[in-house]
Amino acid sequence: MSIIVYFKSNCIQCEATKNAMNRKGIEYKLINIDIQPEAIENLKSLGYYQMPVVITNNDHWSGFRPDKIADLCQLTDVRG
Protein backbone atom coordinates (compact mmCIF):
# COMPACT_ATOMS: atom_id res chain seq x y z
CA MET A 1 0.00 0.00 0.00
CA SER A 2 1.20 3.47 -0.85
CA ILE A 3 0.86 6.10 1.88
CA ILE A 4 1.81 9.74 1.40
CA VAL A 5 1.80 12.29 4.21
CA TYR A 6 1.74 15.91 3.08
CA PHE A 7 2.94 18.17 5.87
CA LYS A 8 4.39 21.56 6.62
CA SER A 9 7.14 22.63 8.97
CA ASN A 10 6.24 23.50 12.58
CA CYS A 11 2.84 21.78 12.37
CA ILE A 12 1.81 20.07 15.62
CA GLN A 13 -0.78 17.80 14.00
CA CYS A 14 1.73 16.84 11.31
CA GLU A 15 4.27 15.81 13.94
CA ALA A 16 1.63 13.86 15.87
CA THR A 17 0.63 12.00 12.70
CA LYS A 18 4.22 11.13 11.77
CA ASN A 19 5.02 10.06 15.35
CA ALA A 20 1.95 7.83 15.57
CA MET A 21 2.76 6.18 12.25
CA ASN A 22 6.38 5.68 13.27
CA ARG A 23 5.37 4.09 16.59
CA LYS A 24 3.11 1.68 14.73
CA GLY A 25 5.75 0.83 12.11
CA ILE A 26 3.76 2.19 9.18
CA GLU A 27 5.88 3.07 6.15
CA TYR A 28 5.01 6.27 4.32
CA LYS A 29 6.42 8.90 2.00
CA LEU A 30 6.69 12.50 3.20
CA ILE A 31 6.07 15.58 1.09
CA ASN A 32 6.79 18.93 2.75
CA ILE A 33 4.60 21.57 1.10
CA ASP A 34 6.97 24.29 2.31
CA ILE A 35 9.61 22.77 0.02
CA GLN A 36 7.25 21.46 -2.69
CA PRO A 37 4.49 24.10 -2.91
CA GLU A 38 3.35 22.72 -6.26
CA ALA A 39 1.56 19.99 -4.26
CA ILE A 40 -0.76 22.56 -2.66
CA GLU A 41 -3.02 22.91 -5.70
CA ASN A 42 -3.59 19.15 -5.83
CA LEU A 43 -4.53 19.14 -2.13
CA LYS A 44 -6.88 22.10 -2.60
CA SER A 45 -8.54 20.29 -5.52
CA LEU A 46 -9.33 17.48 -3.07
CA GLY A 47 -10.86 20.05 -0.69
CA TYR A 48 -8.02 20.21 1.84
CA TYR A 49 -6.78 23.39 3.48
CA GLN A 50 -5.45 21.87 6.72
CA MET A 51 -2.28 19.84 7.25
CA PRO A 52 -1.36 17.08 7.42
CA VAL A 53 -3.09 15.39 4.52
CA VAL A 54 -2.70 11.61 4.36
CA ILE A 55 -3.43 9.86 1.08
CA THR A 56 -3.57 6.08 0.73
CA ASN A 57 -4.66 3.82 -2.10
CA ASN A 58 -8.25 3.77 -0.79
CA ASP A 59 -8.69 6.80 1.46
CA HIS A 60 -7.53 10.32 2.30
CA TRP A 61 -8.00 12.68 5.22
CA SER A 62 -6.56 15.73 6.93
CA GLY A 63 -5.56 16.45 10.49
CA PHE A 64 -4.34 14.08 13.19
CA ARG A 65 -6.63 11.03 12.99
CA PRO A 66 -5.60 8.23 15.37
CA ASP A 67 -8.62 6.21 14.24
CA LYS A 68 -7.52 6.30 10.61
CA ILE A 69 -3.94 5.47 11.57
CA ALA A 70 -5.21 2.44 13.50
CA ASP A 71 -7.14 1.38 10.39
CA LEU A 72 -3.90 1.60 8.39
CA CYS A 73 -2.33 -0.94 10.75
CA GLN A 74 -5.00 -3.45 9.79
CA LEU A 75 -4.77 -2.69 6.07
CA THR A 76 -0.98 -2.90 5.96
CA ASP A 77 -0.84 -5.89 8.36
CA VAL A 78 1.28 -3.87 10.79
CA ARG A 79 0.94 -4.69 14.46
CA GLY A 80 0.54 -1.57 16.56
PDB file of N, CA and C in Angstrom:
ATOM      1  N   MET A   1       0.840  -1.177   0.000  1.00  0.00           N
ATOM      2  CA  MET A   1       0.000   0.000   0.000  1.00  0.00           C
ATOM      3  C   MET A   1       0.886   1.241   0.000  1.00  0.00           C
ATOM      4  N   SER A   2       0.492   2.196  -0.778  1.00  0.00           N
ATOM      5  CA  SER A   2       1.197   3.466  -0.851  1.00  0.00           C
ATOM      6  C   SER A   2       0.545   4.464   0.099  1.00  0.00           C
ATOM      7  N   ILE A   3       1.355   5.091   0.944  1.00  0.00           N
ATOM      8  CA  ILE A   3       0.858   6.098   1.880  1.00  0.00           C
ATOM      9  C   ILE A   3       1.732   7.339   1.745  1.00  0.00           C
ATOM     10  N   ILE A   4       1.093   8.469   1.513  1.00  0.00           N
ATOM     11  CA  ILE A   4       1.806   9.745   1.402  1.00  0.00           C
ATOM     12  C   ILE A   4       1.267  10.682   2.472  1.00  0.00           C
ATOM     13  N   VAL A   5       2.177  11.301   3.206  1.00  0.00           N
ATOM     14  CA  VAL A   5       1.804  12.290   4.211  1.00  0.00           C
ATOM     15  C   VAL A   5       2.324  13.647   3.738  1.00  0.00           C
ATOM     16  N   TYR A   6       1.396  14.529   3.420  1.00  0.00           N
ATOM     17  CA  TYR A   6       1.740  15.906   3.085  1.00  0.00           C
ATOM     18  C   TYR A   6       1.750  16.687   4.388  1.00  0.00           C
ATOM     19  N   PHE A   7       2.818  17.438   4.612  1.00  0.00           N
ATOM     20  CA  PHE A   7       2.939  18.166   5.872  1.00  0.00           C
ATOM     21  C   PHE A   7       3.620  19.497   5.634  1.00  0.00           C
ATOM     22  N   LYS A   8       3.622  20.317   6.675  1.00  0.00           N
ATOM     23  CA  LYS A   8       4.388  21.556   6.622  1.00  0.00           C
ATOM     24  C   LYS A   8       5.211  21.671   7.897  1.00  0.00           C
ATOM     25  N   SER A   9       6.245  22.451   7.831  1.00  0.00           N
ATOM     26  CA  SER A   9       7.139  22.627   8.972  1.00  0.00           C
ATOM     27  C   SER A   9       6.394  23.282  10.137  1.00  0.00           C
ATOM     28  N   ASN A  10       6.796  22.921  11.352  1.00  0.00           N
ATOM     29  CA  ASN A  10       6.244  23.498  12.579  1.00  0.00           C
ATOM     30  C   ASN A  10       4.739  23.279  12.725  1.00  0.00           C
ATOM     31  N   CYS A  11       4.264  22.130  12.291  1.00  0.00           N
ATOM     32  CA  CYS A  11       2.838  21.783  12.370  1.00  0.00           C
ATOM     33  C   CYS A  11       2.673  20.696  13.432  1.00  0.00           C
ATOM     34  N   ILE A  12       1.970  21.010  14.505  1.00  0.00           N
ATOM     35  CA  ILE A  12       1.810  20.073  15.624  1.00  0.00           C
ATOM     36  C   ILE A  12       1.060  18.813  15.197  1.00  0.00           C
ATOM     37  N   GLN A  13      -0.030  18.976  14.452  1.00  0.00           N
ATOM     38  CA  GLN A  13      -0.783  17.802  14.004  1.00  0.00           C
ATOM     39  C   GLN A  13       0.029  16.945  13.027  1.00  0.00           C
ATOM     40  N   CYS A  14       0.862  17.584  12.237  1.00  0.00           N
ATOM     41  CA  CYS A  14       1.733  16.841  11.308  1.00  0.00           C
ATOM     42  C   CYS A  14       2.708  15.977  12.098  1.00  0.00           C
ATOM     43  N   GLU A  15       3.327  16.555  13.110  1.00  0.00           N
ATOM     44  CA  GLU A  15       4.272  15.805  13.939  1.00  0.00           C
ATOM     45  C   GLU A  15       3.580  14.661  14.665  1.00  0.00           C
ATOM     46  N   ALA A  16       2.376  14.909  15.168  1.00  0.00           N
ATOM     47  CA  ALA A  16       1.632  13.864  15.866  1.00  0.00           C
ATOM     48  C   ALA A  16       1.305  12.708  14.916  1.00  0.00           C
ATOM     49  N   THR A  17       0.946  13.031  13.695  1.00  0.00           N
ATOM     50  CA  THR A  17       0.632  11.998  12.699  1.00  0.00           C
ATOM     51  C   THR A  17       1.872  11.175  12.373  1.00  0.00           C
ATOM     52  N   LYS A  18       2.979  11.849  12.098  1.00  0.00           N
ATOM     53  CA  LYS A  18       4.218  11.126  11.774  1.00  0.00           C
ATOM     54  C   LYS A  18       4.678  10.273  12.954  1.00  0.00           C
ATOM     55  N   ASN A  19       4.609  10.819  14.161  1.00  0.00           N
ATOM     56  CA  ASN A  19       5.025  10.060  15.347  1.00  0.00           C
ATOM     57  C   ASN A  19       4.161   8.829  15.561  1.00  0.00           C
ATOM     58  N   ALA A  20       2.851   8.973  15.389  1.00  0.00           N
ATOM     59  CA  ALA A  20       1.947   7.830  15.567  1.00  0.00           C
ATOM     60  C   ALA A  20       2.233   6.747  14.527  1.00  0.00           C
ATOM     61  N   MET A  21       2.457   7.154  13.298  1.00  0.00           N
ATOM     62  CA  MET A  21       2.761   6.176  12.246  1.00  0.00           C
ATOM     63  C   MET A  21       4.102   5.497  12.508  1.00  0.00           C
ATOM     64  N   ASN A  22       5.074   6.256  12.961  1.00  0.00           N
ATOM     65  CA  ASN A  22       6.382   5.677  13.273  1.00  0.00           C
ATOM     66  C   ASN A  22       6.282   4.661  14.405  1.00  0.00           C
ATOM     67  N   ARG A  23       5.539   5.013  15.453  1.00  0.00           N
ATOM     68  CA  ARG A  23       5.369   4.091  16.586  1.00  0.00           C
ATOM     69  C   ARG A  23       4.708   2.785  16.163  1.00  0.00           C
ATOM     70  N   LYS A  24       3.826   2.865  15.183  1.00  0.00           N
ATOM     71  CA  LYS A  24       3.111   1.676  14.725  1.00  0.00           C
ATOM     72  C   LYS A  24       3.832   0.949  13.596  1.00  0.00           C
ATOM     73  N   GLY A  25       4.965   1.487  13.153  1.00  0.00           N
ATOM     74  CA  GLY A  25       5.746   0.828  12.113  1.00  0.00           C
ATOM     75  C   GLY A  25       5.162   0.943  10.716  1.00  0.00           C
ATOM     76  N   ILE A  26       4.367   1.972  10.489  1.00  0.00           N
ATOM     77  CA  ILE A  26       3.756   2.188   9.178  1.00  0.00           C
ATOM     78  C   ILE A  26       4.752   2.934   8.287  1.00  0.00           C
ATOM     79  N   GLU A  27       4.985   2.403   7.104  1.00  0.00           N
ATOM     80  CA  GLU A  27       5.883   3.065   6.150  1.00  0.00           C
ATOM     81  C   GLU A  27       5.086   4.065   5.319  1.00  0.00           C
ATOM     82  N   TYR A  28       5.683   5.220   5.078  1.00  0.00           N
ATOM     83  CA  TYR A  28       5.009   6.266   4.320  1.00  0.00           C
ATOM     84  C   TYR A  28       6.042   7.164   3.670  1.00  0.00           C
ATOM     85  N   LYS A  29       5.585   7.908   2.688  1.00  0.00           N
ATOM     86  CA  LYS A  29       6.419   8.898   2.001  1.00  0.00           C
ATOM     87  C   LYS A  29       5.995  10.279   2.493  1.00  0.00           C
ATOM     88  N   LEU A  30       6.969  11.139   2.733  1.00  0.00           N
ATOM     89  CA  LEU A  30       6.694  12.505   3.198  1.00  0.00           C
ATOM     90  C   LEU A  30       6.851  13.509   2.060  1.00  0.00           C
ATOM     91  N   ILE A  31       5.942  14.454   2.007  1.00  0.00           N
ATOM     92  CA  ILE A  31       6.074  15.583   1.091  1.00  0.00           C
ATOM     93  C   ILE A  31       5.830  16.850   1.904  1.00  0.00           C
ATOM     94  N   ASN A  32       6.859  17.676   2.015  1.00  0.00           N
ATOM     95  CA  ASN A  32       6.785  18.934   2.748  1.00  0.00           C
ATOM     96  C   ASN A  32       6.320  20.022   1.785  1.00  0.00           C
ATOM     97  N   ILE A  33       5.124  20.570   2.016  1.00  0.00           N
ATOM     98  CA  ILE A  33       4.595  21.571   1.096  1.00  0.00           C
ATOM     99  C   ILE A  33       5.332  22.904   1.185  1.00  0.00           C
ATOM    100  N   ASP A  34       6.130  23.092   2.240  1.00  0.00           N
ATOM    101  CA  ASP A  34       6.970  24.288   2.306  1.00  0.00           C
ATOM    102  C   ASP A  34       8.084  24.208   1.269  1.00  0.00           C
ATOM    103  N   ILE A  35       8.530  22.986   0.984  1.00  0.00           N
ATOM    104  CA  ILE A  35       9.610  22.767   0.018  1.00  0.00           C
ATOM    105  C   ILE A  35       9.056  22.457  -1.371  1.00  0.00           C
ATOM    106  N   GLN A  36       7.885  21.826  -1.417  1.00  0.00           N
ATOM    107  CA  GLN A  36       7.252  21.464  -2.689  1.00  0.00           C
ATOM    108  C   GLN A  36       5.861  22.100  -2.779  1.00  0.00           C
ATOM    109  N   PRO A  37       5.792  23.424  -2.907  1.00  0.00           N
ATOM    110  CA  PRO A  37       4.494  24.104  -2.909  1.00  0.00           C
ATOM    111  C   PRO A  37       3.606  23.740  -4.089  1.00  0.00           C
ATOM    112  N   GLU A  38       4.173  23.132  -5.115  1.00  0.00           N
ATOM    113  CA  GLU A  38       3.351  22.721  -6.261  1.00  0.00           C
ATOM    114  C   GLU A  38       2.306  21.670  -5.860  1.00  0.00           C
ATOM    115  N   ALA A  39       2.515  20.999  -4.742  1.00  0.00           N
ATOM    116  CA  ALA A  39       1.560  19.992  -4.261  1.00  0.00           C
ATOM    117  C   ALA A  39       0.302  20.631  -3.682  1.00  0.00           C
ATOM    118  N   ILE A  40       0.370  21.894  -3.328  1.00  0.00           N
ATOM    119  CA  ILE A  40      -0.757  22.559  -2.663  1.00  0.00           C
ATOM    120  C   ILE A  40      -2.001  22.575  -3.538  1.00  0.00           C
ATOM    121  N   GLU A  41      -1.853  22.847  -4.808  1.00  0.00           N
ATOM    122  CA  GLU A  41      -3.018  22.912  -5.699  1.00  0.00           C
ATOM    123  C   GLU A  41      -3.736  21.571  -5.777  1.00  0.00           C
ATOM    124  N   ASN A  42      -2.981  20.478  -5.813  1.00  0.00           N
ATOM    125  CA  ASN A  42      -3.592  19.153  -5.825  1.00  0.00           C
ATOM    126  C   ASN A  42      -4.395  18.919  -4.544  1.00  0.00           C
ATOM    127  N   LEU A  43      -3.841  19.309  -3.403  1.00  0.00           N
ATOM    128  CA  LEU A  43      -4.535  19.136  -2.131  1.00  0.00           C
ATOM    129  C   LEU A  43      -5.791  20.003  -2.072  1.00  0.00           C
ATOM    130  N   LYS A  44      -5.697  21.214  -2.569  1.00  0.00           N
ATOM    131  CA  LYS A  44      -6.875  22.099  -2.601  1.00  0.00           C
ATOM    132  C   LYS A  44      -7.959  21.517  -3.504  1.00  0.00           C
ATOM    133  N   SER A  45      -7.552  20.882  -4.605  1.00  0.00           N
ATOM    134  CA  SER A  45      -8.544  20.294  -5.516  1.00  0.00           C
ATOM    135  C   SER A  45      -9.294  19.147  -4.853  1.00  0.00           C
ATOM    136  N   LEU A  46      -8.673  18.530  -3.842  1.00  0.00           N
ATOM    137  CA  LEU A  46      -9.331  17.476  -3.070  1.00  0.00           C
ATOM    138  C   LEU A  46     -10.156  18.052  -1.915  1.00  0.00           C
ATOM    139  N   GLY A  47     -10.076  19.385  -1.731  1.00  0.00           N
ATOM    140  CA  GLY A  47     -10.856  20.046  -0.692  1.00  0.00           C
ATOM    141  C   GLY A  47     -10.116  20.265   0.616  1.00  0.00           C
ATOM    142  N   TYR A  48      -8.784  20.087   0.606  1.00  0.00           N
ATOM    143  CA  TYR A  48      -8.016  20.206   1.844  1.00  0.00           C
ATOM    144  C   TYR A  48      -7.317  21.548   1.956  1.00  0.00           C
ATOM    145  N   TYR A  49      -7.447  22.133   3.151  1.00  0.00           N
ATOM    146  CA  TYR A  49      -6.778  23.392   3.475  1.00  0.00           C
ATOM    147  C   TYR A  49      -6.070  23.297   4.814  1.00  0.00           C
ATOM    148  N   GLN A  50      -6.068  22.117   5.417  1.00  0.00           N
ATOM    149  CA  GLN A  50      -5.445  21.875   6.720  1.00  0.00           C
ATOM    150  C   GLN A  50      -4.429  20.747   6.574  1.00  0.00           C
ATOM    151  N   MET A  51      -3.316  20.873   7.265  1.00  0.00           N
ATOM    152  CA  MET A  51      -2.283  19.840   7.248  1.00  0.00           C
ATOM    153  C   MET A  51      -2.363  19.027   8.520  1.00  0.00           C
ATOM    154  N   PRO A  52      -1.890  17.828   8.553  1.00  0.00           N
ATOM    155  CA  PRO A  52      -1.362  17.081   7.418  1.00  0.00           C
ATOM    156  C   PRO A  52      -2.506  16.524   6.572  1.00  0.00           C
ATOM    157  N   VAL A  53      -2.165  16.137   5.361  1.00  0.00           N
ATOM    158  CA  VAL A  53      -3.085  15.389   4.516  1.00  0.00           C
ATOM    159  C   VAL A  53      -2.439  14.037   4.275  1.00  0.00           C
ATOM    160  N   VAL A  54      -3.182  12.978   4.560  1.00  0.00           N
ATOM    161  CA  VAL A  54      -2.697  11.614   4.355  1.00  0.00           C
ATOM    162  C   VAL A  54      -3.495  11.016   3.210  1.00  0.00           C
ATOM    163  N   ILE A  55      -2.781  10.484   2.226  1.00  0.00           N
ATOM    164  CA  ILE A  55      -3.428   9.862   1.076  1.00  0.00           C
ATOM    165  C   ILE A  55      -2.930   8.426   0.963  1.00  0.00           C
ATOM    166  N   THR A  56      -3.880   7.492   0.914  1.00  0.00           N
ATOM    167  CA  THR A  56      -3.570   6.078   0.729  1.00  0.00           C
ATOM    168  C   THR A  56      -4.201   5.623  -0.583  1.00  0.00           C
ATOM    169  N   ASN A  57      -4.059   4.352  -0.884  1.00  0.00           N
ATOM    170  CA  ASN A  57      -4.665   3.815  -2.104  1.00  0.00           C
ATOM    171  C   ASN A  57      -6.185   3.943  -2.090  1.00  0.00           C
ATOM    172  N   ASN A  58      -6.791   3.845  -0.885  1.00  0.00           N
ATOM    173  CA  ASN A  58      -8.246   3.769  -0.790  1.00  0.00           C
ATOM    174  C   ASN A  58      -8.903   4.902  -0.010  1.00  0.00           C
ATOM    175  N   ASP A  59      -8.120   5.816   0.538  1.00  0.00           N
ATOM    176  CA  ASP A  59      -8.687   6.802   1.457  1.00  0.00           C
ATOM    177  C   ASP A  59      -7.801   8.043   1.485  1.00  0.00           C
ATOM    178  N   HIS A  60      -8.334   9.124   2.016  1.00  0.00           N
ATOM    179  CA  HIS A  60      -7.535  10.324   2.299  1.00  0.00           C
ATOM    180  C   HIS A  60      -8.251  11.136   3.357  1.00  0.00           C
ATOM    181  N   TRP A  61      -7.448  11.865   4.139  1.00  0.00           N
ATOM    182  CA  TRP A  61      -8.003  12.684   5.219  1.00  0.00           C
ATOM    183  C   TRP A  61      -6.994  13.753   5.599  1.00  0.00           C
ATOM    184  N   SER A  62      -7.466  14.704   6.416  1.00  0.00           N
ATOM    185  CA  SER A  62      -6.561  15.733   6.927  1.00  0.00           C
ATOM    186  C   SER A  62      -6.651  15.775   8.443  1.00  0.00           C
ATOM    187  N   GLY A  63      -5.619  16.341   9.040  1.00  0.00           N
ATOM    188  CA  GLY A  63      -5.558  16.449  10.489  1.00  0.00           C
ATOM    189  C   GLY A  63      -5.015  15.181  11.126  1.00  0.00           C
ATOM    190  N   PHE A  64      -4.815  15.250  12.436  1.00  0.00           N
ATOM    191  CA  PHE A  64      -4.336  14.083  13.188  1.00  0.00           C
ATOM    192  C   PHE A  64      -5.525  13.181  13.462  1.00  0.00           C
ATOM    193  N   ARG A  65      -5.511  11.971  12.886  1.00  0.00           N
ATOM    194  CA  ARG A  65      -6.630  11.031  12.988  1.00  0.00           C
ATOM    195  C   ARG A  65      -6.141   9.676  13.499  1.00  0.00           C
ATOM    196  N   PRO A  66      -6.045   9.508  14.820  1.00  0.00           N
ATOM    197  CA  PRO A  66      -5.598   8.228  15.372  1.00  0.00           C
ATOM    198  C   PRO A  66      -6.455   7.051  14.913  1.00  0.00           C
ATOM    199  N   ASP A  67      -7.749   7.281  14.702  1.00  0.00           N
ATOM    200  CA  ASP A  67      -8.625   6.209  14.242  1.00  0.00           C
ATOM    201  C   ASP A  67      -8.239   5.728  12.849  1.00  0.00           C
ATOM    202  N   LYS A  68      -7.927   6.657  11.965  1.00  0.00           N
ATOM    203  CA  LYS A  68      -7.522   6.301  10.607  1.00  0.00           C
ATOM    204  C   LYS A  68      -6.151   5.630  10.607  1.00  0.00           C
ATOM    205  N   ILE A  69      -5.266   6.090  11.473  1.00  0.00           N
ATOM    206  CA  ILE A  69      -3.937   5.475  11.574  1.00  0.00           C
ATOM    207  C   ILE A  69      -4.075   4.040  12.067  1.00  0.00           C
ATOM    208  N   ALA A  70      -4.960   3.808  13.024  1.00  0.00           N
ATOM    209  CA  ALA A  70      -5.211   2.443  13.500  1.00  0.00           C
ATOM    210  C   ALA A  70      -5.750   1.571  12.373  1.00  0.00           C
ATOM    211  N   ASP A  71      -6.626   2.127  11.540  1.00  0.00           N
ATOM    212  CA  ASP A  71      -7.138   1.379  10.387  1.00  0.00           C
ATOM    213  C   ASP A  71      -6.015   1.002   9.431  1.00  0.00           C
ATOM    214  N   LEU A  72      -5.030   1.893   9.274  1.00  0.00           N
ATOM    215  CA  LEU A  72      -3.896   1.595   8.392  1.00  0.00           C
ATOM    216  C   LEU A  72      -3.123   0.381   8.882  1.00  0.00           C
ATOM    217  N   CYS A  73      -3.026   0.219  10.189  1.00  0.00           N
ATOM    218  CA  CYS A  73      -2.327  -0.943  10.746  1.00  0.00           C
ATOM    219  C   CYS A  73      -2.972  -2.233  10.270  1.00  0.00           C
ATOM    220  N   GLN A  74      -4.286  -2.262  10.238  1.00  0.00           N
ATOM    221  CA  GLN A  74      -4.999  -3.446   9.788  1.00  0.00           C
ATOM    222  C   GLN A  74      -4.819  -3.658   8.286  1.00  0.00           C
ATOM    223  N   LEU A  75      -4.875  -2.587   7.525  1.00  0.00           N
ATOM    224  CA  LEU A  75      -4.772  -2.688   6.069  1.00  0.00           C
ATOM    225  C   LEU A  75      -3.361  -3.064   5.607  1.00  0.00           C
ATOM    226  N   THR A  76      -2.360  -2.620   6.355  1.00  0.00           N
ATOM    227  CA  THR A  76      -0.979  -2.902   5.960  1.00  0.00           C
ATOM    228  C   THR A  76      -0.413  -4.091   6.718  1.00  0.00           C
ATOM    229  N   ASP A  77      -1.241  -4.725   7.552  1.00  0.00           N
ATOM    230  CA  ASP A  77      -0.841  -5.887   8.357  1.00  0.00           C
ATOM    231  C   ASP A  77       0.323  -5.546   9.291  1.00  0.00           C
ATOM    232  N   VAL A  78       0.285  -4.310   9.816  1.00  0.00           N
ATOM    233  CA  VAL A  78       1.283  -3.873  10.792  1.00  0.00           C
ATOM    234  C   VAL A  78       0.664  -4.044  12.163  1.00  0.00           C
ATOM    235  N   ARG A  79       1.435  -4.522  13.095  1.00  0.00           N
ATOM    236  CA  ARG A  79       0.940  -4.690  14.465  1.00  0.00           C
ATOM    237  C   ARG A  79       1.270  -3.432  15.257  1.00  0.00           C
ATOM    238  N   GLY A  80       0.282  -2.762  15.793  1.00  0.00           N
ATOM    239  CA  GLY A  80       0.537  -1.573  16.561  1.00  0.00           C
ATOM    240  C   GLY A  80      -0.541  -1.329  17.496  1.00  0.00           C
TER     241      GLY A  80
END
